Amino acid sequence: MDGGEYADGCRVLIQAIRTESDFRNTSFACASQPVPLAAALFFVIRPVAALLFLIKTPTGRVQRLMLGWFGIRGIGSLYYLSYALNHGLNDKIADTVGITPSVVALSIFIHGISSQPILNYYERLISFEETRS
């Protein structure tokens, strides 16, 4: 990723967070609300869930962690949000409407930056294991 793509990604991320803030008619300070949620989802909830739910599968620990990191989440979140909105839950999920696109934007940004280094590490790990056996 060159500097221009990185800057474009940062602008998209900031705009998504600002949009969440504008949607709720609050100050930009409240736009940081998606960040702790995203951190919990990315670094705790999803990896722990992948480790636990895939424990009896033939995947190794590193593979389970990668599935936890790269697993599908953004599109599913948008689908369930649109389902809720189309089924009359508008007043009950007002906060979710603003937070969901922000978390999805953070996910795209963070996973986009991390994908190549993590896949390079995994490739080196596999090569090391193949030469060792």
N, C-alpha and C. Protein backbone atom coordinates (compact mmCIF):
# COMPACT_ATOMS: atom_id res chain seq x y z
N MET A 1 0.85 -1.17 0.00
CA MET A 1 0.00 0.00 0.00
C MET A 1 0.90 1.23 0.00
N ASP A 2 0.73 2.10 -0.98
CA ASP A 2 1.55 3.31 -1.00
C ASP A 2 0.91 4.41 -0.15
N GLY A 3 1.62 5.52 -0.02
CA GLY A 3 1.16 6.60 0.85
C GLY A 3 -0.18 7.18 0.44
N GLY A 4 -0.44 7.25 -0.87
CA GLY A 4 -1.70 7.80 -1.36
C GLY A 4 -2.89 6.93 -0.98
N GLU A 5 -2.73 5.61 -1.13
CA GLU A 5 -3.81 4.70 -0.75
C GLU A 5 -4.05 4.74 0.76
N TYR A 6 -2.97 4.85 1.52
CA TYR A 6 -3.10 4.93 2.97
C TYR A 6 -3.86 6.20 3.36
N ALA A 7 -3.52 7.32 2.75
CA ALA A 7 -4.21 8.58 3.04
C ALA A 7 -5.68 8.50 2.65
N ASP A 8 -5.97 7.87 1.50
CA ASP A 8 -7.36 7.71 1.08
C ASP A 8 -8.13 6.85 2.09
N GLY A 9 -7.49 5.80 2.57
CA GLY A 9 -8.13 4.93 3.56
C GLY A 9 -8.42 5.68 4.84
N CYS A 10 -7.47 6.52 5.27
CA CYS A 10 -7.68 7.32 6.48
C CYS A 10 -8.85 8.28 6.30
N ARG A 11 -8.95 8.91 5.14
CA ARG A 11 -10.05 9.83 4.88
C ARG A 11 -11.40 9.11 4.92
N VAL A 12 -11.46 7.91 4.34
CA VAL A 12 -12.71 7.13 4.35
C VAL A 12 -13.08 6.78 5.79
N LEU A 13 -12.10 6.36 6.57
CA LEU A 13 -12.36 5.99 7.95
C LEU A 13 -12.86 7.18 8.76
N ILE A 14 -12.21 8.32 8.62
CA ILE A 14 -12.62 9.52 9.36
C ILE A 14 -14.02 9.95 8.92
N GLN A 15 -14.31 9.87 7.62
CA GLN A 15 -15.63 10.25 7.13
C GLN A 15 -16.71 9.32 7.68
N ALA A 16 -16.40 8.02 7.77
CA ALA A 16 -17.39 7.07 8.32
C ALA A 16 -17.69 7.39 9.77
N ILE A 17 -16.65 7.72 10.53
CA ILE A 17 -16.86 8.05 11.94
C ILE A 17 -17.60 9.38 12.07
N ARG A 18 -17.28 10.35 11.22
CA ARG A 18 -17.99 11.63 11.26
C ARG A 18 -19.45 11.44 10.87
N THR A 19 -19.70 10.57 9.89
CA THR A 19 -21.08 10.32 9.47
C THR A 19 -21.88 9.75 10.62
N GLU A 20 -21.27 8.84 11.39
CA GLU A 20 -21.95 8.28 12.56
C GLU A 20 -22.27 9.39 13.54
N SER A 21 -21.34 10.30 13.73
CA SER A 21 -21.55 11.41 14.66
C SER A 21 -22.65 12.33 14.15
N ASP A 22 -22.63 12.65 12.85
CA ASP A 22 -23.65 13.53 12.29
C ASP A 22 -25.02 12.89 12.36
N PHE A 23 -25.08 11.58 12.16
CA PHE A 23 -26.35 10.87 12.18
C PHE A 23 -27.05 11.03 13.52
N ARG A 24 -26.28 10.99 14.57
CA ARG A 24 -26.86 11.05 15.90
C ARG A 24 -26.96 12.48 16.43
N ASN A 25 -26.61 13.47 15.60
CA ASN A 25 -26.64 14.87 16.00
C ASN A 25 -25.87 15.11 17.30
N THR A 26 -24.70 14.55 17.39
CA THR A 26 -23.85 14.72 18.55
C THR A 26 -22.53 15.30 18.11
N SER A 27 -21.69 15.60 19.07
CA SER A 27 -20.39 16.16 18.74
C SER A 27 -19.48 15.08 18.19
N PHE A 28 -18.37 15.51 17.58
CA PHE A 28 -17.40 14.56 17.02
C PHE A 28 -16.77 13.71 18.10
N ALA A 29 -16.78 14.17 19.34
CA ALA A 29 -16.21 13.39 20.45
C ALA A 29 -16.95 12.07 20.62
N CYS A 30 -18.25 12.03 20.34
CA CYS A 30 -19.02 10.79 20.47
C CYS A 30 -18.70 9.82 19.35
N ALA A 31 -18.06 10.29 18.30
CA ALA A 31 -17.73 9.42 17.19
C ALA A 31 -16.68 8.38 17.58
N SER A 32 -16.04 8.55 18.72
CA SER A 32 -15.07 7.55 19.16
C SER A 32 -15.75 6.33 19.76
N GLN A 33 -17.07 6.36 19.93
CA GLN A 33 -17.81 5.23 20.49
C GLN A 33 -17.57 3.94 19.71
N PRO A 34 -17.53 3.95 18.37
CA PRO A 34 -17.30 2.69 17.65
C PRO A 34 -15.90 2.11 17.86
N VAL A 35 -14.94 2.93 18.23
CA VAL A 35 -13.56 2.46 18.33
C VAL A 35 -13.39 1.41 19.44
N PRO A 36 -13.86 1.64 20.67
CA PRO A 36 -13.72 0.58 21.68
C PRO A 36 -14.51 -0.68 21.31
N LEU A 37 -15.68 -0.50 20.73
CA LEU A 37 -16.46 -1.66 20.30
C LEU A 37 -15.70 -2.44 19.23
N ALA A 38 -15.16 -1.73 18.25
CA ALA A 38 -14.41 -2.40 17.19
C ALA A 38 -13.19 -3.11 17.77
N ALA A 39 -12.49 -2.47 18.70
CA ALA A 39 -11.32 -3.11 19.32
C ALA A 39 -11.72 -4.39 20.04
N ALA A 40 -12.83 -4.35 20.77
CA ALA A 40 -13.29 -5.56 21.47
C ALA A 40 -13.67 -6.65 20.46
N LEU A 41 -14.36 -6.27 19.40
CA LEU A 41 -14.74 -7.25 18.38
C LEU A 41 -13.54 -7.84 17.66
N PHE A 42 -12.59 -6.99 17.26
CA PHE A 42 -11.45 -7.44 16.47
C PHE A 42 -10.44 -8.24 17.28
N PHE A 43 -10.16 -7.79 18.49
CA PHE A 43 -9.03 -8.35 19.24
C PHE A 43 -9.43 -9.33 20.35
N VAL A 44 -10.71 -9.36 20.72
CA VAL A 44 -11.12 -10.25 21.82
C VAL A 44 -12.24 -11.19 21.39
N ILE A 45 -13.40 -10.64 21.09
CA ILE A 45 -14.60 -11.45 20.89
C ILE A 45 -14.45 -12.41 19.72
N ARG A 46 -14.10 -11.91 18.56
CA ARG A 46 -14.02 -12.78 17.38
C ARG A 46 -12.89 -13.80 17.48
N PRO A 47 -11.66 -13.42 17.88
CA PRO A 47 -10.61 -14.44 18.00
C PRO A 47 -10.91 -15.51 19.05
N VAL A 48 -11.45 -15.11 20.19
CA VAL A 48 -11.79 -16.09 21.23
C VAL A 48 -12.89 -17.03 20.73
N ALA A 49 -13.89 -16.47 20.06
CA ALA A 49 -14.97 -17.30 19.51
C ALA A 49 -14.42 -18.29 18.49
N ALA A 50 -13.53 -17.85 17.62
CA ALA A 50 -12.95 -18.75 16.62
C ALA A 50 -12.13 -19.85 17.29
N LEU A 51 -11.35 -19.49 18.30
CA LEU A 51 -10.56 -20.50 19.01
C LEU A 51 -11.47 -21.55 19.65
N LEU A 52 -12.54 -21.10 20.28
CA LEU A 52 -13.44 -22.02 20.98
C LEU A 52 -14.28 -22.87 20.03
N PHE A 53 -14.90 -22.23 19.05
CA PHE A 53 -15.83 -22.96 18.19
C PHE A 53 -15.14 -23.85 17.16
N LEU A 54 -13.89 -23.61 16.88
CA LEU A 54 -13.17 -24.44 15.90
C LEU A 54 -12.22 -25.43 16.56
N ILE A 55 -12.31 -25.56 17.87
CA ILE A 55 -11.35 -26.38 18.60
C ILE A 55 -11.40 -27.86 18.20
N LYS A 56 -12.55 -28.36 17.82
CA LYS A 56 -12.67 -29.78 17.45
C LYS A 56 -12.57 -30.00 15.95
N THR A 57 -12.10 -29.00 15.24
CA THR A 57 -11.90 -29.14 13.80
C THR A 57 -10.43 -29.46 13.54
N PRO A 58 -10.10 -29.88 12.34
CA PRO A 58 -8.70 -30.22 12.05
C PRO A 58 -7.79 -28.99 11.82
N THR A 59 -8.23 -27.82 12.21
CA THR A 59 -7.41 -26.62 12.04
C THR A 59 -6.46 -26.47 13.22
N GLY A 60 -5.32 -25.89 12.94
CA GLY A 60 -4.36 -25.60 13.99
C GLY A 60 -4.70 -24.29 14.67
N ARG A 61 -3.98 -23.99 15.75
CA ARG A 61 -4.25 -22.77 16.51
C ARG A 61 -4.04 -21.52 15.66
N VAL A 62 -2.96 -21.50 14.88
CA VAL A 62 -2.68 -20.32 14.04
C VAL A 62 -3.78 -20.15 13.00
N GLN A 63 -4.25 -21.25 12.41
CA GLN A 63 -5.33 -21.16 11.44
C GLN A 63 -6.62 -20.64 12.09
N ARG A 64 -6.91 -21.11 13.29
CA ARG A 64 -8.12 -20.64 13.99
C ARG A 64 -8.01 -19.14 14.29
N LEU A 65 -6.83 -18.70 14.70
CA LEU A 65 -6.65 -17.26 14.96
C LEU A 65 -6.80 -16.45 13.68
N MET A 66 -6.27 -16.98 12.57
CA MET A 66 -6.43 -16.26 11.30
C MET A 66 -7.90 -16.21 10.89
N LEU A 67 -8.63 -17.30 11.10
CA LEU A 67 -10.06 -17.28 10.81
C LEU A 67 -10.78 -16.27 11.69
N GLY A 68 -10.35 -16.17 12.93
CA GLY A 68 -10.94 -15.18 13.83
C GLY A 68 -10.63 -13.76 13.41
N TRP A 69 -9.46 -13.55 12.83
CA TRP A 69 -9.08 -12.21 12.40
C TRP A 69 -9.71 -11.84 11.07
N PHE A 70 -9.68 -12.76 10.10
CA PHE A 70 -10.13 -12.44 8.75
C PHE A 70 -11.56 -12.89 8.45
N GLY A 71 -12.24 -13.50 9.41
CA GLY A 71 -13.58 -14.03 9.16
C GLY A 71 -14.55 -12.97 8.68
N ILE A 72 -15.58 -13.41 8.02
CA ILE A 72 -16.59 -12.50 7.47
C ILE A 72 -17.36 -11.86 8.62
N ARG A 73 -17.46 -10.55 8.61
CA ARG A 73 -18.28 -9.88 9.61
C ARG A 73 -18.96 -8.64 9.06
N GLY A 74 -18.32 -7.84 8.26
CA GLY A 74 -18.88 -6.56 7.81
C GLY A 74 -20.17 -6.69 7.02
N ILE A 75 -20.16 -7.55 6.01
CA ILE A 75 -21.34 -7.70 5.18
C ILE A 75 -22.50 -8.26 5.99
N GLY A 76 -22.21 -9.21 6.86
CA GLY A 76 -23.25 -9.77 7.72
C GLY A 76 -23.86 -8.72 8.62
N SER A 77 -23.01 -7.85 9.18
CA SER A 77 -23.51 -6.78 10.04
C SER A 77 -24.44 -5.85 9.28
N LEU A 78 -24.06 -5.49 8.07
CA LEU A 78 -24.91 -4.61 7.26
C LEU A 78 -26.21 -5.31 6.88
N TYR A 79 -26.14 -6.61 6.59
CA TYR A 79 -27.35 -7.36 6.25
C TYR A 79 -28.32 -7.37 7.43
N TYR A 80 -27.83 -7.71 8.63
CA TYR A 80 -28.70 -7.78 9.79
C TYR A 80 -29.24 -6.40 10.17
N LEU A 81 -28.44 -5.37 9.98
CA LEU A 81 -28.92 -4.02 10.25
C LEU A 81 -30.06 -3.66 9.30
N SER A 82 -29.87 -3.94 8.01
CA SER A 82 -30.94 -3.62 7.05
C SER A 82 -32.18 -4.47 7.30
N TYR A 83 -31.99 -5.71 7.72
CA TYR A 83 -33.13 -6.56 8.07
C TYR A 83 -33.92 -5.94 9.22
N ALA A 84 -33.22 -5.51 10.25
CA ALA A 84 -33.88 -4.90 11.41
C ALA A 84 -34.62 -3.62 11.00
N LEU A 85 -34.00 -2.81 10.17
CA LEU A 85 -34.63 -1.57 9.73
C LEU A 85 -35.87 -1.84 8.88
N ASN A 86 -35.81 -2.88 8.07
CA ASN A 86 -36.95 -3.22 7.21
C ASN A 86 -38.08 -3.92 7.95
N HIS A 87 -37.84 -4.29 9.18
CA HIS A 87 -38.87 -4.99 9.95
C HIS A 87 -39.34 -4.16 11.16
N GLY A 88 -39.22 -2.85 11.04
CA GLY A 88 -39.84 -1.95 12.01
C GLY A 88 -39.11 -1.78 13.33
N LEU A 89 -37.85 -2.03 13.39
CA LEU A 89 -37.11 -1.86 14.64
C LEU A 89 -36.33 -0.54 14.66
N ASN A 90 -36.73 0.42 13.86
CA ASN A 90 -35.99 1.68 13.71
C ASN A 90 -35.71 2.39 15.03
N ASP A 91 -36.72 2.55 15.86
CA ASP A 91 -36.54 3.31 17.10
C ASP A 91 -35.72 2.55 18.14
N LYS A 92 -35.65 1.24 18.05
CA LYS A 92 -34.93 0.43 19.03
C LYS A 92 -33.44 0.27 18.71
N ILE A 93 -33.04 0.62 17.50
CA ILE A 93 -31.65 0.39 17.11
C ILE A 93 -30.98 1.67 16.59
N ALA A 94 -31.40 2.81 17.08
CA ALA A 94 -30.85 4.08 16.58
C ALA A 94 -29.34 4.14 16.72
N ASP A 95 -28.79 3.74 17.86
CA ASP A 95 -27.34 3.76 18.04
C ASP A 95 -26.63 2.80 17.08
N THR A 96 -27.25 1.67 16.84
CA THR A 96 -26.65 0.65 15.98
C THR A 96 -26.52 1.14 14.55
N VAL A 97 -27.48 1.94 14.10
CA VAL A 97 -27.45 2.44 12.73
C VAL A 97 -26.20 3.28 12.49
N GLY A 98 -25.78 4.05 13.46
CA GLY A 98 -24.58 4.85 13.29
C GLY A 98 -23.30 4.09 13.55
N ILE A 99 -23.33 3.18 14.51
CA ILE A 99 -22.11 2.47 14.90
C ILE A 99 -21.72 1.41 13.87
N THR A 100 -22.69 0.71 13.30
CA THR A 100 -22.39 -0.40 12.39
C THR A 100 -21.54 0.03 11.19
N PRO A 101 -21.91 1.06 10.43
CA PRO A 101 -21.04 1.45 9.31
C PRO A 101 -19.65 1.90 9.77
N SER A 102 -19.57 2.50 10.94
CA SER A 102 -18.26 2.93 11.46
C SER A 102 -17.38 1.73 11.77
N VAL A 103 -17.95 0.72 12.40
CA VAL A 103 -17.18 -0.48 12.71
C VAL A 103 -16.78 -1.22 11.43
N VAL A 104 -17.68 -1.25 10.46
CA VAL A 104 -17.35 -1.88 9.17
C VAL A 104 -16.21 -1.12 8.49
N ALA A 105 -16.26 0.21 8.52
CA ALA A 105 -15.18 1.00 7.92
C ALA A 105 -13.85 0.75 8.64
N LEU A 106 -13.89 0.71 9.97
CA LEU A 106 -12.67 0.38 10.73
C LEU A 106 -12.16 -1.00 10.36
N SER A 107 -13.06 -1.95 10.20
CA SER A 107 -12.68 -3.31 9.84
C SER A 107 -11.99 -3.35 8.48
N ILE A 108 -12.57 -2.68 7.52
CA ILE A 108 -11.97 -2.64 6.18
C ILE A 108 -10.58 -2.03 6.25
N PHE A 109 -10.45 -0.96 6.97
CA PHE A 109 -9.17 -0.26 7.09
C PHE A 109 -8.13 -1.13 7.81
N ILE A 110 -8.45 -1.62 8.99
CA ILE A 110 -7.48 -2.37 9.81
C ILE A 110 -7.13 -3.70 9.16
N HIS A 111 -8.12 -4.40 8.65
CA HIS A 111 -7.84 -5.69 8.02
C HIS A 111 -7.12 -5.51 6.68
N GLY A 112 -7.39 -4.41 6.00
CA GLY A 112 -6.66 -4.13 4.77
C GLY A 112 -5.19 -3.88 5.02
N ILE A 113 -4.88 -3.16 6.08
CA ILE A 113 -3.48 -2.88 6.42
C ILE A 113 -2.77 -4.14 6.91
N SER A 114 -3.48 -4.96 7.68
CA SER A 114 -2.84 -6.11 8.32
C SER A 114 -2.79 -7.36 7.46
N SER A 115 -3.55 -7.42 6.40
CA SER A 115 -3.66 -8.68 5.66
C SER A 115 -2.33 -9.17 5.10
N GLN A 116 -1.59 -8.32 4.43
CA GLN A 116 -0.35 -8.78 3.81
C GLN A 116 0.70 -9.19 4.84
N PRO A 117 0.96 -8.41 5.89
CA PRO A 117 1.94 -8.88 6.88
C PRO A 117 1.54 -10.19 7.55
N ILE A 118 0.26 -10.36 7.86
CA ILE A 118 -0.18 -11.60 8.50
C ILE A 118 -0.06 -12.78 7.56
N LEU A 119 -0.44 -12.61 6.30
CA LEU A 119 -0.32 -13.69 5.34
C LEU A 119 1.15 -14.03 5.06
N ASN A 120 2.01 -13.03 5.04
CA ASN A 120 3.45 -13.29 4.88
C ASN A 120 3.98 -14.10 6.05
N TYR A 121 3.57 -13.75 7.26
CA TYR A 121 3.97 -14.51 8.45
C TYR A 121 3.49 -15.94 8.36
N TYR A 122 2.25 -16.14 7.96
CA TYR A 122 1.68 -17.48 7.86
C TYR A 122 2.44 -18.30 6.81
N GLU A 123 2.77 -17.68 5.70
CA GLU A 123 3.53 -18.38 4.65
C GLU A 123 4.90 -18.81 5.17
N ARG A 124 5.58 -17.92 5.89
CA ARG A 124 6.88 -18.28 6.47
C ARG A 124 6.73 -19.40 7.49
N LEU A 125 5.68 -19.37 8.27
CA LEU A 125 5.43 -20.40 9.26
C LEU A 125 5.23 -21.76 8.60
N ILE A 126 4.45 -21.79 7.55
CA ILE A 126 4.20 -23.05 6.82
C ILE A 126 5.51 -23.56 6.20
N SER A 127 6.28 -22.66 5.59
CA SER A 127 7.56 -23.07 5.00
C SER A 127 8.50 -23.63 6.05
N PHE A 128 8.53 -23.01 7.21
CA PHE A 128 9.38 -23.48 8.30
C PHE A 128 8.93 -24.87 8.76
N GLU A 129 7.63 -25.08 8.90
CA GLU A 129 7.11 -26.37 9.34
C GLU A 129 7.37 -27.46 8.30
N GLU A 130 7.30 -27.10 7.01
CA GLU A 130 7.56 -28.09 5.95
C GLU A 130 9.03 -28.49 5.93
N THR A 131 9.92 -27.55 6.13
CA THR A 131 11.35 -27.89 6.14
C THR A 131 11.74 -28.65 7.39
N ARG A 132 11.03 -28.45 8.47
CA ARG A 132 11.32 -29.13 9.72
C ARG A 132 10.85 -30.58 9.69
N SER A 133 9.83 -30.88 8.90
CA SER A 133 9.33 -32.26 8.89
C SER A 133 9.85 -33.07 7.74
